[in-house]
Amino acid sequence: MNLSSNLATAYQTPTTVQLSNRPSDEGGFNEDLGPEDLRSFEVGARGSIADWRVRFEVAGYFSTIDGALVRFQRADAQAYTQRADQPLAGGDAVIAFALP
């Protein structure tokens, strides 16, 4: 059986379009925007059970994004970007089996 793990981070700054579209339609940059900060952790196992002639793979991950940049659209169809008030978090798990 093989075990694996991965820890990843990412950093993304707002684009100039996101910075220039202010909710108030005033000129200048949207100073409320800052960078997104992502952290992700994954663990997994891969192997086989010889007596049953089965191969398997199990993996799970969990990610959080602090300061997520979220797109909003007003009733007049003008779109702008805001930072999420709370960190976004999510995870998942996958189990796969293969028979010969």
C-alpha atoms as a PDB file:
ATOM      1  CA  MET A   1       0.000   0.000   0.000  1.00  0.00           C
ATOM      2  CA  ASN A   2       1.224   3.512  -0.846  1.00  0.00           C
ATOM      3  CA  LEU A   3       0.305   6.490   1.337  1.00  0.00           C
ATOM      4  CA  SER A   4       0.407  10.075   0.125  1.00  0.00           C
ATOM      5  CA  SER A   5      -0.230  13.573   1.402  1.00  0.00           C
ATOM      6  CA  ASN A   6      -0.027  17.058  -0.039  1.00  0.00           C
ATOM      7  CA  LEU A   7      -0.151  20.532   1.472  1.00  0.00           C
ATOM      8  CA  ALA A   8      -0.649  23.419  -0.956  1.00  0.00           C
ATOM      9  CA  THR A   9      -1.012  27.175  -0.699  1.00  0.00           C
ATOM     10  CA  ALA A  10      -2.000  29.757  -3.285  1.00  0.00           C
ATOM     11  CA  TYR A  11      -2.218  33.525  -3.412  1.00  0.00           C
ATOM     12  CA  GLN A  12      -4.189  35.539  -5.956  1.00  0.00           C
ATOM     13  CA  THR A  13      -4.431  39.294  -6.225  1.00  0.00           C
ATOM     14  CA  PRO A  14      -7.453  41.076  -7.737  1.00  0.00           C
ATOM     15  CA  THR A  15      -7.269  41.959 -11.430  1.00  0.00           C
ATOM     16  CA  THR A  16      -7.320  45.588 -12.569  1.00  0.00           C
ATOM     17  CA  VAL A  17     -10.890  45.055 -13.839  1.00  0.00           C
ATOM     18  CA  GLN A  18     -11.979  43.849 -10.396  1.00  0.00           C
ATOM     19  CA  LEU A  19     -10.199  46.757  -8.740  1.00  0.00           C
ATOM     20  CA  SER A  20     -11.710  49.396 -11.060  1.00  0.00           C
ATOM     21  CA  ASN A  21     -15.369  48.253 -10.781  1.00  0.00           C
ATOM     22  CA  ARG A  22     -16.587  49.859  -7.558  1.00  0.00           C
ATOM     23  CA  PRO A  23     -20.084  49.122  -6.179  1.00  0.00           C
ATOM     24  CA  SER A  24     -20.722  52.860  -5.787  1.00  0.00           C
ATOM     25  CA  ASP A  25     -19.862  53.629  -9.460  1.00  0.00           C
ATOM     26  CA  GLU A  26     -17.373  56.242  -8.248  1.00  0.00           C
ATOM     27  CA  GLY A  27     -14.045  56.567  -9.982  1.00  0.00           C
ATOM     28  CA  GLY A  28     -10.801  55.163  -8.652  1.00  0.00           C
ATOM     29  CA  PHE A  29      -9.907  51.763  -7.283  1.00  0.00           C
ATOM     30  CA  ASN A  30     -11.956  49.534  -4.993  1.00  0.00           C
ATOM     31  CA  GLU A  31      -9.774  49.723  -1.882  1.00  0.00           C
ATOM     32  CA  ASP A  32     -11.861  47.055  -0.086  1.00  0.00           C
ATOM     33  CA  LEU A  33     -10.376  44.294  -2.245  1.00  0.00           C
ATOM     34  CA  GLY A  34      -7.317  42.373  -1.185  1.00  0.00           C
ATOM     35  CA  PRO A  35      -5.713  39.080  -2.152  1.00  0.00           C
ATOM     36  CA  GLU A  36      -7.264  35.641  -1.807  1.00  0.00           C
ATOM     37  CA  ASP A  37      -5.310  33.161   0.302  1.00  0.00           C
ATOM     38  CA  LEU A  38      -5.895  29.424  -0.281  1.00  0.00           C
ATOM     39  CA  ARG A  39      -4.753  26.484   1.851  1.00  0.00           C
ATOM     40  CA  SER A  40      -5.429  22.891   0.873  1.00  0.00           C
ATOM     41  CA  PHE A  41      -4.541  19.541   2.436  1.00  0.00           C
ATOM     42  CA  GLU A  42      -4.953  16.120   0.792  1.00  0.00           C
ATOM     43  CA  VAL A  43      -4.310  12.578   2.052  1.00  0.00           C
ATOM     44  CA  GLY A  44      -4.637   9.314   0.190  1.00  0.00           C
ATOM     45  CA  ALA A  45      -3.839   5.626  -0.015  1.00  0.00           C
ATOM     46  CA  ARG A  46      -3.443   3.319  -2.990  1.00  0.00           C
ATOM     47  CA  GLY A  47      -2.959  -0.418  -3.019  1.00  0.00           C
ATOM     48  CA  SER A  48      -4.323  -3.844  -3.796  1.00  0.00           C
ATOM     49  CA  ILE A  49      -5.785  -6.798  -1.968  1.00  0.00           C
ATOM     50  CA  ALA A  50      -4.176  -9.847  -3.572  1.00  0.00           C
ATOM     51  CA  ASP A  51      -6.580 -12.409  -2.070  1.00  0.00           C
ATOM     52  CA  TRP A  52      -9.558 -10.593  -3.614  1.00  0.00           C
ATOM     53  CA  ARG A  53      -7.673  -9.421  -6.769  1.00  0.00           C
ATOM     54  CA  VAL A  54      -8.889  -5.869  -6.196  1.00  0.00           C
ATOM     55  CA  ARG A  55      -7.034  -2.554  -6.578  1.00  0.00           C
ATOM     56  CA  PHE A  56      -8.183   0.481  -4.604  1.00  0.00           C
ATOM     57  CA  GLU A  57      -7.523   4.187  -4.216  1.00  0.00           C
ATOM     58  CA  VAL A  58      -8.829   6.404  -1.424  1.00  0.00           C
ATOM     59  CA  ALA A  59      -8.281  10.171  -1.274  1.00  0.00           C
ATOM     60  CA  GLY A  60      -9.695  13.084   0.667  1.00  0.00           C
ATOM     61  CA  TYR A  61      -8.983  16.793   0.768  1.00  0.00           C
ATOM     62  CA  PHE A  62      -9.961  19.935   2.638  1.00  0.00           C
ATOM     63  CA  SER A  63      -9.482  23.515   1.395  1.00  0.00           C
ATOM     64  CA  THR A  64     -10.071  26.985   2.814  1.00  0.00           C
ATOM     65  CA  ILE A  65     -10.032  30.359   1.044  1.00  0.00           C
ATOM     66  CA  ASP A  66      -9.590  33.506   3.128  1.00  0.00           C
ATOM     67  CA  GLY A  67     -10.679  36.773   1.507  1.00  0.00           C
ATOM     68  CA  ALA A  68     -12.383  35.072  -1.449  1.00  0.00           C
ATOM     69  CA  LEU A  69     -13.142  37.440  -4.330  1.00  0.00           C
ATOM     70  CA  VAL A  70     -16.848  37.022  -5.100  1.00  0.00           C
ATOM     71  CA  ARG A  71     -18.600  38.547  -8.142  1.00  0.00           C
ATOM     72  CA  PHE A  72     -21.927  40.328  -7.556  1.00  0.00           C
ATOM     73  CA  GLN A  73     -24.365  41.789 -10.045  1.00  0.00           C
ATOM     74  CA  ARG A  74     -26.693  44.672  -9.233  1.00  0.00           C
ATOM     75  CA  ALA A  75     -30.230  45.000 -10.598  1.00  0.00           C
ATOM     76  CA  ASP A  76     -28.943  47.380 -13.310  1.00  0.00           C
ATOM     77  CA  ALA A  77     -26.658  44.539 -14.569  1.00  0.00           C
ATOM     78  CA  GLN A  78     -23.473  46.268 -13.364  1.00  0.00           C
ATOM     79  CA  ALA A  79     -21.084  43.647 -11.975  1.00  0.00           C
ATOM     80  CA  TYR A  80     -18.465  44.211  -9.317  1.00  0.00           C
ATOM     81  CA  THR A  81     -16.302  42.167  -6.953  1.00  0.00           C
ATOM     82  CA  GLN A  82     -16.344  42.016  -3.158  1.00  0.00           C
ATOM     83  CA  ARG A  83     -14.407  40.036  -0.584  1.00  0.00           C
ATOM     84  CA  ALA A  84     -16.329  37.287   1.210  1.00  0.00           C
ATOM     85  CA  ASP A  85     -16.986  38.148   4.871  1.00  0.00           C
ATOM     86  CA  GLN A  86     -16.227  34.624   6.094  1.00  0.00           C
ATOM     87  CA  PRO A  87     -13.600  32.117   4.944  1.00  0.00           C
ATOM     88  CA  LEU A  88     -14.895  29.598   2.407  1.00  0.00           C
ATOM     89  CA  ALA A  89     -14.182  25.957   3.241  1.00  0.00           C
ATOM     90  CA  GLY A  90     -14.952  22.634   1.631  1.00  0.00           C
ATOM     91  CA  GLY A  91     -13.780  19.096   1.288  1.00  0.00           C
ATOM     92  CA  ASP A  92     -14.488  15.803  -0.405  1.00  0.00           C
ATOM     93  CA  ALA A  93     -13.485  12.165  -0.372  1.00  0.00           C
ATOM     94  CA  VAL A  94     -13.193   9.641  -3.213  1.00  0.00           C
ATOM     95  CA  ILE A  95     -13.027   5.856  -3.091  1.00  0.00           C
ATOM     96  CA  ALA A  96     -12.322   3.880  -6.288  1.00  0.00           C
ATOM     97  CA  PHE A  97     -12.100   0.110  -6.825  1.00  0.00           C
ATOM     98  CA  ALA A  98     -10.949  -1.783  -9.897  1.00  0.00           C
ATOM     99  CA  LEU A  99     -11.479  -5.464 -10.611  1.00  0.00           C
ATOM    100  CA  PRO A 100      -9.158  -7.353 -12.986  1.00  0.00           C
END
